[in-house]
Each structure stands twice: as structure tokens, then as C-alpha cells.
Amino acid sequence: MPDGERWRTFAAGLADRFRARFWVSDQQGPYPAMALDGSGRPVDSVTSNMGHLLATGILNADETNTVAARLAAPDMSDAYGLRTMSSQSGGFGPLRYHCGAVWPHDTAIAGLARTGHPEAAARLIEGILDAASAFDYRLPELWGGDARADTPTPVPYPAACRPQAWSAAAAIALMTALTGLEPDVPAGRLHHRPTGPLPVGALTITGLTIAGERLDVSIGTDGRIGSVSAPAGLIVEELAALRS
């Protein structure tokens, strides 16, 4: 692209500036702060916001693994989805709007299945699915961040919209994580990256569209493709499973 090198240089500089200003450490190691305060000091609460970085390219491989591991730890992931704030942080409350509750779209954005932590991703997806059944499959805006071991069903957030559009859209992102499909239409390929045992069992998905044509695929309980009906000329290629 025109000026491509200029933009690559800009992106590298942005990553360096972000690294210098936002990364902090605690007893568990380094992680990105959620914000800078009015004086430019890092706000060092451990929150799900760092998961939004995983798909941006601003993190290197080691930083990606570090962020994914922090999100996969029980203080973030043992609720019905990903908590917005660690249960070990001073401001945590399971029904605090941005400081402990679970937002389903936030869990979906984390994308742990693609960062070498498929087991943690499966645990989070299981939490969302259990919550969905408790809410009659009409996912609300958010719910309580109580540990699954402590509550048989998620605690409703009193003022949550139900259903809510971006919560409903989270199902698409979660299905993408479960299937491990990565289309590359210009290259004529449909990549599949096995994500390990599926928390929902075997899947059969019909009526997808790729390159303007129909795609049907079945995936076994082990996360590998069992059968696929793809458009002519599209090569289905299995990639190596991600590992941390």
C-alpha cells in the first residue's frame, strides 16, 4: 500500500509508547493498566480491558501470552464469563457495573482461544452458555461476577437491558472461537485451527456463507473438522493448534 512503511513505523512507535506508559507490575507480574489518570499515572486495577488488546496487534508474542494468562487466572475467569475486574482488586464487587460484573461481549472480545489458552477459553464459553440457559437464552447486558462455585446460577443485574444487542452478538464471536475457522478468501483458503476439546460437544454448522457460496462443516468433540462442504476451488487447510 502507498506509504505502508510510514504506517508500519508509526504503529511500532505507538506500541513502544503504549509499552512505556501503560505496562505495570504486581506480585503476579506485568500487565497493562486499564487507563492513565488525570496526572498521567497508570490506574493499576486488574481488569478485562486488557483483553481488548489481544486482537489489535499492539502486543508482541510474549505480551500476548502474559495478558491471556492474566485473564485466564481464576480471579478473572471463575465466574459465569470473564469478570470486568479481578476479584483480588480493591474495588471489586460482583454487582459493580464496570468493577466486577460479567459482560458477555467483553468475554467474547477476549479471544483466548486464539492466544494459546484454549482451555481457559472453553471455561469462559461454558460460563456464558450456563448463563444463557439461566436467562432463557436472551442474554442481558451484564450479570453478577460471583464465582460459579458459589452460586448455582448467575445473579441478575437489576437494571440490565434484556436482551441486549451486543450481548446477542457475542454468540457469533463465541461460535467463531469454538469452530477455529479463519477464512482467507483472496488466497482461496479456509484455515482451521483446532482449539481442543469443545465444551459443547460435537458441532454441525450449516448454511454459512464464504466467497458468496454455502459452507457446511462438522467439528468433532476434539475440535477437529470431521467433514466439510466448501465452495469449489477453496482449499481447507488445518493449522497447528496454538500453544502458550
C-alpha atoms as a PDB file:
ATOM      1  CA  MET A   1       0.000   0.000   0.000  1.00  0.00           C
ATOM      2  CA  PRO A   2       1.222   3.578  -0.546  1.00  0.00           C
ATOM      3  CA  ASP A   3       3.161   4.886   2.451  1.00  0.00           C
ATOM      4  CA  GLY A   4       2.976   1.393   4.017  1.00  0.00           C
ATOM      5  CA  GLU A   5       6.379   1.664   5.603  1.00  0.00           C
ATOM      6  CA  ARG A   6       5.475   5.014   7.170  1.00  0.00           C
ATOM      7  CA  TRP A   7       2.395   3.497   8.802  1.00  0.00           C
ATOM      8  CA  ARG A   8       4.325   0.445   9.982  1.00  0.00           C
ATOM      9  CA  THR A   9       6.849   2.755  11.599  1.00  0.00           C
ATOM     10  CA  PHE A  10       4.047   4.743  13.218  1.00  0.00           C
ATOM     11  CA  ALA A  11       2.450   1.540  14.562  1.00  0.00           C
ATOM     12  CA  ALA A  12       5.755   0.332  16.010  1.00  0.00           C
ATOM     13  CA  GLY A  13       6.271   3.692  17.715  1.00  0.00           C
ATOM     14  CA  LEU A  14       2.719   3.612  19.109  1.00  0.00           C
ATOM     15  CA  ALA A  15       3.373   0.147  20.562  1.00  0.00           C
ATOM     16  CA  ASP A  16       6.581   1.398  22.184  1.00  0.00           C
ATOM     17  CA  ARG A  17       4.810   4.412  23.692  1.00  0.00           C
ATOM     18  CA  PHE A  18       1.991   2.221  24.969  1.00  0.00           C
ATOM     19  CA  ARG A  19       4.505  -0.209  26.445  1.00  0.00           C
ATOM     20  CA  ALA A  20       6.334   2.573  28.267  1.00  0.00           C
ATOM     21  CA  ARG A  21       3.252   4.308  29.705  1.00  0.00           C
ATOM     22  CA  PHE A  22       0.705   1.567  30.376  1.00  0.00           C
ATOM     23  CA  TRP A  23       2.564  -1.542  31.491  1.00  0.00           C
ATOM     24  CA  VAL A  24       2.722  -2.029  35.274  1.00  0.00           C
ATOM     25  CA  SER A  25       3.537  -4.929  37.603  1.00  0.00           C
ATOM     26  CA  ASP A  26       2.220  -6.537  40.759  1.00  0.00           C
ATOM     27  CA  GLN A  27       3.117  -9.713  42.685  1.00  0.00           C
ATOM     28  CA  GLN A  28       1.895 -11.858  39.775  1.00  0.00           C
ATOM     29  CA  GLY A  29       3.990  -9.991  37.217  1.00  0.00           C
ATOM     30  CA  PRO A  30       3.461  -7.410  34.465  1.00  0.00           C
ATOM     31  CA  TYR A  31       0.176  -6.433  32.806  1.00  0.00           C
ATOM     32  CA  PRO A  32      -1.341  -3.382  31.050  1.00  0.00           C
ATOM     33  CA  ALA A  33      -3.032  -0.788  33.262  1.00  0.00           C
ATOM     34  CA  MET A  34      -6.639  -0.001  32.418  1.00  0.00           C
ATOM     35  CA  ALA A  35      -6.085   3.755  31.982  1.00  0.00           C
ATOM     36  CA  LEU A  36      -3.996   6.795  32.838  1.00  0.00           C
ATOM     37  CA  ASP A  37      -5.448   9.203  35.382  1.00  0.00           C
ATOM     38  CA  GLY A  38      -5.614  12.973  35.025  1.00  0.00           C
ATOM     39  CA  SER A  39      -1.982  13.249  36.083  1.00  0.00           C
ATOM     40  CA  GLY A  40      -0.822  10.613  33.617  1.00  0.00           C
ATOM     41  CA  ARG A  41      -0.352   7.908  36.260  1.00  0.00           C
ATOM     42  CA  PRO A  42      -1.421   4.327  35.472  1.00  0.00           C
ATOM     43  CA  VAL A  43      -4.666   3.096  37.015  1.00  0.00           C
ATOM     44  CA  ASP A  44      -3.409  -0.322  38.023  1.00  0.00           C
ATOM     45  CA  SER A  45      -6.587  -2.294  38.772  1.00  0.00           C
ATOM     46  CA  VAL A  46      -6.542  -5.673  37.004  1.00  0.00           C
ATOM     47  CA  THR A  47      -9.464  -5.559  34.567  1.00  0.00           C
ATOM     48  CA  SER A  48     -10.815  -7.220  31.445  1.00  0.00           C
ATOM     49  CA  ASN A  49      -9.956  -4.123  29.398  1.00  0.00           C
ATOM     50  CA  MET A  50      -6.539  -5.631  28.693  1.00  0.00           C
ATOM     51  CA  GLY A  51      -8.289  -8.401  26.736  1.00  0.00           C
ATOM     52  CA  HIS A  52      -9.319  -5.869  24.105  1.00  0.00           C
ATOM     53  CA  LEU A  53      -5.637  -5.569  23.168  1.00  0.00           C
ATOM     54  CA  LEU A  54      -5.338  -9.185  22.043  1.00  0.00           C
ATOM     55  CA  ALA A  55      -6.753  -8.583  18.557  1.00  0.00           C
ATOM     56  CA  THR A  56      -5.107  -5.217  17.881  1.00  0.00           C
ATOM     57  CA  GLY A  57      -1.514  -6.228  17.078  1.00  0.00           C
ATOM     58  CA  ILE A  58      -0.099  -3.809  19.646  1.00  0.00           C
ATOM     59  CA  LEU A  59       1.234  -6.685  21.778  1.00  0.00           C
ATOM     60  CA  ASN A  60       4.197  -8.880  20.901  1.00  0.00           C
ATOM     61  CA  ALA A  61       4.010 -12.664  21.360  1.00  0.00           C
ATOM     62  CA  ASP A  62       5.298 -12.637  24.943  1.00  0.00           C
ATOM     63  CA  GLU A  63       2.941  -9.799  25.913  1.00  0.00           C
ATOM     64  CA  THR A  64       0.008 -11.621  24.328  1.00  0.00           C
ATOM     65  CA  ASN A  65       0.744 -14.713  26.410  1.00  0.00           C
ATOM     66  CA  THR A  66       1.115 -12.566  29.541  1.00  0.00           C
ATOM     67  CA  VAL A  67      -2.262 -10.861  29.030  1.00  0.00           C
ATOM     68  CA  ALA A  68      -4.007 -14.113  28.152  1.00  0.00           C
ATOM     69  CA  ALA A  69      -2.611 -15.798  31.259  1.00  0.00           C
ATOM     70  CA  ARG A  70      -3.825 -12.960  33.494  1.00  0.00           C
ATOM     71  CA  LEU A  71      -7.322 -13.194  32.015  1.00  0.00           C
ATOM     72  CA  ALA A  72      -7.311 -16.980  32.350  1.00  0.00           C
ATOM     73  CA  ALA A  73      -6.452 -16.882  36.066  1.00  0.00           C
ATOM     74  CA  PRO A  74      -9.310 -17.820  38.449  1.00  0.00           C
ATOM     75  CA  ASP A  75      -9.635 -14.286  39.861  1.00  0.00           C
ATOM     76  CA  MET A  76     -10.784 -13.190  36.391  1.00  0.00           C
ATOM     77  CA  SER A  77     -12.323 -16.311  34.891  1.00  0.00           C
ATOM     78  CA  ASP A  78     -14.108 -18.439  37.512  1.00  0.00           C
ATOM     79  CA  ALA A  79     -17.444 -16.583  37.216  1.00  0.00           C
ATOM     80  CA  TYR A  80     -20.135 -17.047  34.543  1.00  0.00           C
ATOM     81  CA  GLY A  81     -17.808 -15.474  31.998  1.00  0.00           C
ATOM     82  CA  LEU A  82     -14.940 -13.008  32.298  1.00  0.00           C
ATOM     83  CA  ARG A  83     -15.100 -10.526  35.168  1.00  0.00           C
ATOM     84  CA  THR A  84     -14.611  -6.862  34.350  1.00  0.00           C
ATOM     85  CA  MET A  85     -12.304  -6.631  37.389  1.00  0.00           C
ATOM     86  CA  SER A  86     -10.218  -9.153  39.275  1.00  0.00           C
ATOM     87  CA  SER A  87     -11.806 -10.483  42.449  1.00  0.00           C
ATOM     88  CA  GLN A  88      -8.491  -9.661  44.139  1.00  0.00           C
ATOM     89  CA  SER A  89      -8.609  -5.961  43.259  1.00  0.00           C
ATOM     90  CA  GLY A  90      -9.582  -3.490  45.991  1.00  0.00           C
ATOM     91  CA  GLY A  91     -12.506  -2.030  44.030  1.00  0.00           C
ATOM     92  CA  PHE A  92     -14.067  -5.394  43.151  1.00  0.00           C
ATOM     93  CA  GLY A  93     -17.766  -6.031  43.723  1.00  0.00           C
ATOM     94  CA  PRO A  94     -19.654  -8.788  41.871  1.00  0.00           C
ATOM     95  CA  LEU A  95     -22.523  -6.407  41.046  1.00  0.00           C
ATOM     96  CA  ARG A  96     -20.439  -3.330  40.312  1.00  0.00           C
ATOM     97  CA  TYR A  97     -21.134  -2.197  36.764  1.00  0.00           C
ATOM     98  CA  HIS A  98     -17.550  -1.990  35.471  1.00  0.00           C
ATOM     99  CA  CYS A  99     -15.755  -3.319  38.546  1.00  0.00           C
ATOM    100  CA  GLY A 100     -16.604  -6.999  38.833  1.00  0.00           C
ATOM    101  CA  ALA A 101     -19.758  -7.813  36.866  1.00  0.00           C
ATOM    102  CA  VAL A 102     -19.628 -10.004  33.734  1.00  0.00           C
ATOM    103  CA  TRP A 103     -20.383  -8.508  30.312  1.00  0.00           C
ATOM    104  CA  PRO A 104     -20.849 -11.267  27.683  1.00  0.00           C
ATOM    105  CA  HIS A 105     -19.466  -9.157  24.836  1.00  0.00           C
ATOM    106  CA  ASP A 106     -16.368  -8.494  26.956  1.00  0.00           C
ATOM    107  CA  THR A 107     -15.841 -12.237  27.347  1.00  0.00           C
ATOM    108  CA  ALA A 108     -16.237 -12.720  23.601  1.00  0.00           C
ATOM    109  CA  ILE A 109     -13.732  -9.970  22.774  1.00  0.00           C
ATOM    110  CA  ALA A 110     -11.028 -11.576  24.939  1.00  0.00           C
ATOM    111  CA  GLY A 111     -10.441 -14.255  22.294  1.00  0.00           C
ATOM    112  CA  LEU A 112      -8.403 -16.595  24.483  1.00  0.00           C
ATOM    113  CA  ALA A 113      -8.977 -19.481  22.080  1.00  0.00           C
ATOM    114  CA  ARG A 114      -6.645 -17.773  19.604  1.00  0.00           C
ATOM    115  CA  THR A 115      -3.876 -16.951  22.039  1.00  0.00           C
ATOM    116  CA  GLY A 116      -2.706 -20.365  23.182  1.00  0.00           C
ATOM    117  CA  HIS A 117      -5.192 -20.735  26.072  1.00  0.00           C
ATOM    118  CA  PRO A 118      -7.990 -22.907  24.619  1.00  0.00           C
ATOM    119  CA  GLU A 119      -8.760 -24.500  27.985  1.00  0.00           C
ATOM    120  CA  ALA A 120      -9.404 -21.109  29.571  1.00  0.00           C
ATOM    121  CA  ALA A 121     -11.462 -20.066  26.548  1.00  0.00           C
ATOM    122  CA  ALA A 122     -13.568 -23.219  26.899  1.00  0.00           C
ATOM    123  CA  ARG A 123     -14.162 -22.433  30.595  1.00  0.00           C
ATOM    124  CA  LEU A 124     -15.329 -18.909  29.782  1.00  0.00           C
ATOM    125  CA  ILE A 125     -17.581 -20.138  26.978  1.00  0.00           C
ATOM    126  CA  GLU A 126     -19.094 -22.727  29.325  1.00  0.00           C
ATOM    127  CA  GLY A 127     -19.829 -19.914  31.768  1.00  0.00           C
ATOM    128  CA  ILE A 128     -21.617 -17.850  29.119  1.00  0.00           C
ATOM    129  CA  LEU A 129     -23.618 -20.874  27.949  1.00  0.00           C
ATOM    130  CA  ASP A 130     -24.687 -21.678  31.507  1.00  0.00           C
ATOM    131  CA  ALA A 131     -25.698 -18.054  31.988  1.00  0.00           C
ATOM    132  CA  ALA A 132     -27.636 -18.111  28.707  1.00  0.00           C
ATOM    133  CA  SER A 133     -29.774 -21.024  29.847  1.00  0.00           C
ATOM    134  CA  ALA A 134     -30.483 -19.242  33.138  1.00  0.00           C
ATOM    135  CA  PHE A 135     -31.713 -16.198  31.184  1.00  0.00           C
ATOM    136  CA  ASP A 136     -33.853 -18.213  28.711  1.00  0.00           C
ATOM    137  CA  TYR A 137     -31.200 -17.617  26.021  1.00  0.00           C
ATOM    138  CA  ARG A 138     -31.933 -13.878  25.955  1.00  0.00           C
ATOM    139  CA  LEU A 139     -28.541 -12.607  27.065  1.00  0.00           C
ATOM    140  CA  PRO A 140     -28.756  -9.453  29.158  1.00  0.00           C
ATOM    141  CA  GLU A 141     -26.318  -6.585  29.138  1.00  0.00           C
ATOM    142  CA  LEU A 142     -24.435  -7.954  32.171  1.00  0.00           C
ATOM    143  CA  TRP A 143     -24.808 -10.063  35.313  1.00  0.00           C
ATOM    144  CA  GLY A 144     -23.042 -10.623  38.615  1.00  0.00           C
ATOM    145  CA  GLY A 145     -19.410 -11.705  38.767  1.00  0.00           C
ATOM    146  CA  ASP A 146     -19.890 -14.224  41.560  1.00  0.00           C
ATOM    147  CA  ALA A 147     -17.830 -17.407  41.352  1.00  0.00           C
ATOM    148  CA  ARG A 148     -19.658 -20.297  39.695  1.00  0.00           C
ATOM    149  CA  ALA A 149     -18.766 -22.474  42.665  1.00  0.00           C
ATOM    150  CA  ASP A 150     -20.661 -20.091  44.972  1.00  0.00           C
ATOM    151  CA  THR A 151     -23.890 -19.552  43.030  1.00  0.00           C
ATOM    152  CA  PRO A 152     -25.925 -22.185  41.114  1.00  0.00           C
ATOM    153  CA  THR A 153     -26.980 -19.573  38.531  1.00  0.00           C
ATOM    154  CA  PRO A 154     -25.711 -16.089  37.659  1.00  0.00           C
ATOM    155  CA  VAL A 155     -27.031 -13.253  39.809  1.00  0.00           C
ATOM    156  CA  PRO A 156     -29.081 -10.841  37.616  1.00  0.00           C
ATOM    157  CA  TYR A 157     -28.025  -7.211  37.442  1.00  0.00           C
ATOM    158  CA  PRO A 158     -31.182  -5.302  38.397  1.00  0.00           C
ATOM    159  CA  ALA A 159     -31.068  -2.567  35.739  1.00  0.00           C
ATOM    160  CA  ALA A 160     -29.608  -4.616  32.866  1.00  0.00           C
ATOM    161  CA  CYS A 161     -31.199  -4.434  29.420  1.00  0.00           C
ATOM    162  CA  ARG A 162     -32.507  -7.884  28.421  1.00  0.00           C
ATOM    163  CA  PRO A 163     -31.970  -8.874  25.724  1.00  0.00           C
ATOM    164  CA  GLN A 164     -29.245  -6.541  24.562  1.00  0.00           C
ATOM    165  CA  ALA A 165     -27.784  -6.266  21.067  1.00  0.00           C
ATOM    166  CA  TRP A 166     -24.049  -6.551  21.695  1.00  0.00           C
ATOM    167  CA  SER A 167     -24.672  -9.358  24.176  1.00  0.00           C
ATOM    168  CA  ALA A 168     -26.598 -11.224  21.473  1.00  0.00           C
ATOM    169  CA  ALA A 169     -23.761 -10.586  19.012  1.00  0.00           C
ATOM    170  CA  ALA A 170     -21.337 -12.176  21.474  1.00  0.00           C
ATOM    171  CA  ALA A 171     -22.735 -15.548  20.405  1.00  0.00           C
ATOM    172  CA  ILE A 172     -21.219 -15.074  16.944  1.00  0.00           C
ATOM    173  CA  ALA A 173     -17.768 -14.355  18.367  1.00  0.00           C
ATOM    174  CA  LEU A 174     -18.007 -17.337  20.709  1.00  0.00           C
ATOM    175  CA  MET A 175     -19.029 -19.621  17.842  1.00  0.00           C
ATOM    176  CA  THR A 176     -16.051 -18.352  15.838  1.00  0.00           C
ATOM    177  CA  ALA A 177     -13.792 -19.273  18.745  1.00  0.00           C
ATOM    178  CA  LEU A 178     -15.356 -22.739  19.033  1.00  0.00           C
ATOM    179  CA  THR A 179     -15.021 -23.567  15.337  1.00  0.00           C
ATOM    180  CA  GLY A 180     -11.481 -22.247  14.875  1.00  0.00           C
ATOM    181  CA  LEU A 181     -12.287 -21.243  11.282  1.00  0.00           C
ATOM    182  CA  GLU A 182     -10.146 -18.493   9.737  1.00  0.00           C
ATOM    183  CA  PRO A 183     -11.215 -17.693   6.137  1.00  0.00           C
ATOM    184  CA  ASP A 184      -8.740 -16.168   3.686  1.00  0.00           C
ATOM    185  CA  VAL A 185     -10.845 -15.738   0.561  1.00  0.00           C
ATOM    186  CA  PRO A 186      -8.266 -13.780  -1.505  1.00  0.00           C
ATOM    187  CA  ALA A 187      -5.820 -16.666  -1.034  1.00  0.00           C
ATOM    188  CA  GLY A 188      -8.518 -19.247  -1.774  1.00  0.00           C
ATOM    189  CA  ARG A 189      -8.125 -20.912   1.613  1.00  0.00           C
ATOM    190  CA  LEU A 190     -10.198 -21.702   4.655  1.00  0.00           C
ATOM    191  CA  HIS A 191      -7.844 -22.210   7.571  1.00  0.00           C
ATOM    192  CA  HIS A 192      -8.918 -24.286  10.533  1.00  0.00           C
ATOM    193  CA  ARG A 193      -7.054 -24.110  13.809  1.00  0.00           C
ATOM    194  CA  PRO A 194      -8.213 -26.824  16.258  1.00  0.00           C
ATOM    195  CA  THR A 195      -8.966 -25.316  19.643  1.00  0.00           C
ATOM    196  CA  GLY A 196      -9.003 -28.549  21.631  1.00  0.00           C
ATOM    197  CA  PRO A 197     -11.965 -30.407  23.172  1.00  0.00           C
ATOM    198  CA  LEU A 198     -15.194 -28.464  22.692  1.00  0.00           C
ATOM    199  CA  PRO A 199     -17.181 -27.611  25.834  1.00  0.00           C
ATOM    200  CA  VAL A 200     -20.413 -28.079  23.863  1.00  0.00           C
ATOM    201  CA  GLY A 201     -19.533 -31.433  22.306  1.00  0.00           C
ATOM    202  CA  ALA A 202     -19.565 -32.081  18.553  1.00  0.00           C
ATOM    203  CA  LEU A 203     -20.860 -29.303  16.288  1.00  0.00           C
ATOM    204  CA  THR A 204     -22.587 -29.331  12.912  1.00  0.00           C
ATOM    205  CA  ILE A 205     -22.976 -25.906  11.320  1.00  0.00           C
ATOM    206  CA  THR A 206     -24.866 -25.444   8.060  1.00  0.00           C
ATOM    207  CA  GLY A 207     -25.675 -22.509   5.842  1.00  0.00           C
ATOM    208  CA  LEU A 208     -22.573 -20.393   6.436  1.00  0.00           C
ATOM    209  CA  THR A 209     -21.515 -18.199   3.529  1.00  0.00           C
ATOM    210  CA  ILE A 210     -17.969 -17.818   2.257  1.00  0.00           C
ATOM    211  CA  ALA A 211     -16.947 -16.212  -1.038  1.00  0.00           C
ATOM    212  CA  GLY A 212     -20.666 -15.824  -1.761  1.00  0.00           C
ATOM    213  CA  GLU A 213     -21.325 -19.572  -1.566  1.00  0.00           C
ATOM    214  CA  ARG A 214     -22.554 -22.038   1.046  1.00  0.00           C
ATOM    215  CA  LEU A 215     -20.308 -23.674   3.621  1.00  0.00           C
ATOM    216  CA  ASP A 216     -21.321 -26.602   5.855  1.00  0.00           C
ATOM    217  CA  VAL A 217     -18.929 -28.024   8.436  1.00  0.00           C
ATOM    218  CA  SER A 218     -18.986 -30.574  11.222  1.00  0.00           C
ATOM    219  CA  ILE A 219     -16.446 -30.477  14.049  1.00  0.00           C
ATOM    220  CA  GLY A 220     -15.823 -33.367  16.425  1.00  0.00           C
ATOM    221  CA  THR A 221     -15.623 -33.229  20.192  1.00  0.00           C
ATOM    222  CA  ASP A 222     -11.828 -32.985  19.838  1.00  0.00           C
ATOM    223  CA  GLY A 223     -12.178 -29.684  17.956  1.00  0.00           C
ATOM    224  CA  ARG A 224     -11.053 -31.123  14.600  1.00  0.00           C
ATOM    225  CA  ILE A 225     -13.037 -30.994  11.357  1.00  0.00           C
ATOM    226  CA  GLY A 226     -14.967 -34.189  10.666  1.00  0.00           C
ATOM    227  CA  SER A 227     -16.474 -33.182   7.334  1.00  0.00           C
ATOM    228  CA  VAL A 228     -16.774 -30.033   5.280  1.00  0.00           C
ATOM    229  CA  SER A 229     -18.708 -28.975   2.193  1.00  0.00           C
ATOM    230  CA  ALA A 230     -16.947 -25.913   0.810  1.00  0.00           C
ATOM    231  CA  PRO A 231     -17.160 -23.926  -2.448  1.00  0.00           C
ATOM    232  CA  ALA A 232     -15.221 -25.362  -5.373  1.00  0.00           C
ATOM    233  CA  GLY A 233     -11.656 -24.092  -5.516  1.00  0.00           C
ATOM    234  CA  LEU A 234     -11.489 -23.259  -1.795  1.00  0.00           C
ATOM    235  CA  ILE A 235      -8.744 -25.246  -0.073  1.00  0.00           C
ATOM    236  CA  VAL A 236      -9.432 -26.260   3.524  1.00  0.00           C
ATOM    237  CA  GLU A 237      -6.152 -26.220   5.429  1.00  0.00           C
ATOM    238  CA  GLU A 238      -5.630 -27.267   9.048  1.00  0.00           C
ATOM    239  CA  LEU A 239      -3.208 -25.118  11.015  1.00  0.00           C
ATOM    240  CA  ALA A 240      -1.214 -26.160  14.031  1.00  0.00           C
ATOM    241  CA  ALA A 241      -3.077 -25.778  17.313  1.00  0.00           C
ATOM    242  CA  LEU A 242      -1.984 -22.762  19.328  1.00  0.00           C
ATOM    243  CA  ARG A 243       0.007 -23.371  22.484  1.00  0.00           C
ATOM    244  CA  SER A 244       1.215 -20.953  25.133  1.00  0.00           C
END
